[in-house]
């Protein structure tokens, strides 16, 4: 069950953080999709992970959160 966005998410216009069943997720909003795809497809994401300049993540396909 999701109760609300994390309060700090107001700083992130491209998405928001939320918990679901004890796991932390970040939704990437449609407005940021093109930029996100470029990050992944360009190889920059992998380069930053390998240089330990970015924390790795796993993409998941879950139902859209019902945020209040």
C-alpha atoms as a PDB file:
ATOM      1  CA  UNK A   1       0.000   0.000   0.000  1.00  0.00           C
ATOM      2  CA  UNK A   2       1.270   3.444  -0.870  1.00  0.00           C
ATOM      3  CA  UNK A   3       0.241   6.293   1.352  1.00  0.00           C
ATOM      4  CA  UNK A   4       2.070   9.257  -0.180  1.00  0.00           C
ATOM      5  CA  UNK A   5       5.109  10.519  -1.974  1.00  0.00           C
ATOM      6  CA  UNK A   6       8.118  10.986   0.233  1.00  0.00           C
ATOM      7  CA  UNK A   7       8.145  14.619   1.404  1.00  0.00           C
ATOM      8  CA  UNK A   8      11.557  15.267  -0.162  1.00  0.00           C
ATOM      9  CA  UNK A   9      10.161  14.462  -3.618  1.00  0.00           C
ATOM     10  CA  UNK A  10       9.044  18.063  -4.116  1.00  0.00           C
ATOM     11  CA  UNK A  11      12.652  18.708  -5.215  1.00  0.00           C
ATOM     12  CA  UNK A  12      12.323  16.290  -8.145  1.00  0.00           C
ATOM     13  CA  UNK A  13      10.163  17.657 -10.986  1.00  0.00           C
ATOM     14  CA  UNK A  14      10.995  14.629 -13.161  1.00  0.00           C
ATOM     15  CA  UNK A  15       9.528  12.022 -10.831  1.00  0.00           C
ATOM     16  CA  UNK A  16       9.079  11.110  -7.196  1.00  0.00           C
ATOM     17  CA  UNK A  17      10.071   8.563  -4.577  1.00  0.00           C
ATOM     18  CA  UNK A  18       7.626   6.268  -2.844  1.00  0.00           C
ATOM     19  CA  UNK A  19       7.601   3.079  -0.790  1.00  0.00           C
ATOM     20  CA  UNK A  20       5.659  -0.013  -1.789  1.00  0.00           C
ATOM     21  CA  UNK A  21       5.690  -3.140   0.362  1.00  0.00           C
ATOM     22  CA  UNK A  22       8.837  -1.988   2.139  1.00  0.00           C
ATOM     23  CA  UNK A  23      10.831  -1.240  -1.047  1.00  0.00           C
ATOM     24  CA  UNK A  24      11.844   2.215  -2.243  1.00  0.00           C
ATOM     25  CA  UNK A  25      10.877   3.167  -5.813  1.00  0.00           C
ATOM     26  CA  UNK A  26      11.284   6.217  -8.008  1.00  0.00           C
ATOM     27  CA  UNK A  27       8.745   6.955 -10.679  1.00  0.00           C
ATOM     28  CA  UNK A  28      10.146   8.677 -13.761  1.00  0.00           C
ATOM     29  CA  UNK A  29       7.438  10.936 -15.162  1.00  0.00           C
ATOM     30  CA  UNK A  30       6.653  11.006 -18.865  1.00  0.00           C
ATOM     31  CA  UNK A  31       8.094  14.519 -19.155  1.00  0.00           C
ATOM     32  CA  UNK A  32      11.560  13.104 -18.326  1.00  0.00           C
ATOM     33  CA  UNK A  33      11.329   9.875 -20.382  1.00  0.00           C
ATOM     34  CA  UNK A  34      13.294  11.185 -23.377  1.00  0.00           C
ATOM     35  CA  UNK A  35      16.141  12.366 -21.124  1.00  0.00           C
ATOM     36  CA  UNK A  36      16.143   9.101 -19.167  1.00  0.00           C
ATOM     37  CA  UNK A  37      16.240   7.031 -22.356  1.00  0.00           C
ATOM     38  CA  UNK A  38      19.178   9.133 -23.590  1.00  0.00           C
ATOM     39  CA  UNK A  39      21.063   8.548 -20.317  1.00  0.00           C
ATOM     40  CA  UNK A  40      20.639   4.785 -20.649  1.00  0.00           C
ATOM     41  CA  UNK A  41      21.105   4.479 -24.441  1.00  0.00           C
ATOM     42  CA  UNK A  42      24.183   6.736 -24.603  1.00  0.00           C
ATOM     43  CA  UNK A  43      26.246   4.544 -22.293  1.00  0.00           C
ATOM     44  CA  UNK A  44      26.640   7.393 -19.798  1.00  0.00           C
ATOM     45  CA  UNK A  45      24.664   5.539 -17.119  1.00  0.00           C
ATOM     46  CA  UNK A  46      26.965   2.518 -17.368  1.00  0.00           C
ATOM     47  CA  UNK A  47      30.092   4.730 -17.381  1.00  0.00           C
ATOM     48  CA  UNK A  48      28.938   6.553 -14.248  1.00  0.00           C
ATOM     49  CA  UNK A  49      28.137   3.269 -12.507  1.00  0.00           C
ATOM     50  CA  UNK A  50      31.560   1.849 -13.417  1.00  0.00           C
ATOM     51  CA  UNK A  51      33.255   5.008 -12.102  1.00  0.00           C
ATOM     52  CA  UNK A  52      31.174   4.695  -8.885  1.00  0.00           C
ATOM     53  CA  UNK A  53      29.705   8.147  -9.482  1.00  0.00           C
ATOM     54  CA  UNK A  54      26.106   6.921  -9.612  1.00  0.00           C
ATOM     55  CA  UNK A  55      24.232   4.349  -7.569  1.00  0.00           C
ATOM     56  CA  UNK A  56      22.949   1.515  -9.795  1.00  0.00           C
ATOM     57  CA  UNK A  57      19.248   0.759 -10.018  1.00  0.00           C
ATOM     58  CA  UNK A  58      16.917  -1.862 -11.463  1.00  0.00           C
ATOM     59  CA  UNK A  59      14.057  -0.932 -13.739  1.00  0.00           C
ATOM     60  CA  UNK A  60      10.763  -2.556 -12.836  1.00  0.00           C
ATOM     61  CA  UNK A  61       7.360  -2.533 -14.442  1.00  0.00           C
ATOM     62  CA  UNK A  62       4.737  -2.129 -11.742  1.00  0.00           C
ATOM     63  CA  UNK A  63       1.278  -0.648 -11.596  1.00  0.00           C
ATOM     64  CA  UNK A  64       1.189   3.116 -11.421  1.00  0.00           C
ATOM     65  CA  UNK A  65       1.108   4.131  -7.768  1.00  0.00           C
ATOM     66  CA  UNK A  66      -2.099   5.516  -6.350  1.00  0.00           C
ATOM     67  CA  UNK A  67      -0.604   8.510  -4.569  1.00  0.00           C
ATOM     68  CA  UNK A  68      -2.584  10.771  -2.289  1.00  0.00           C
END
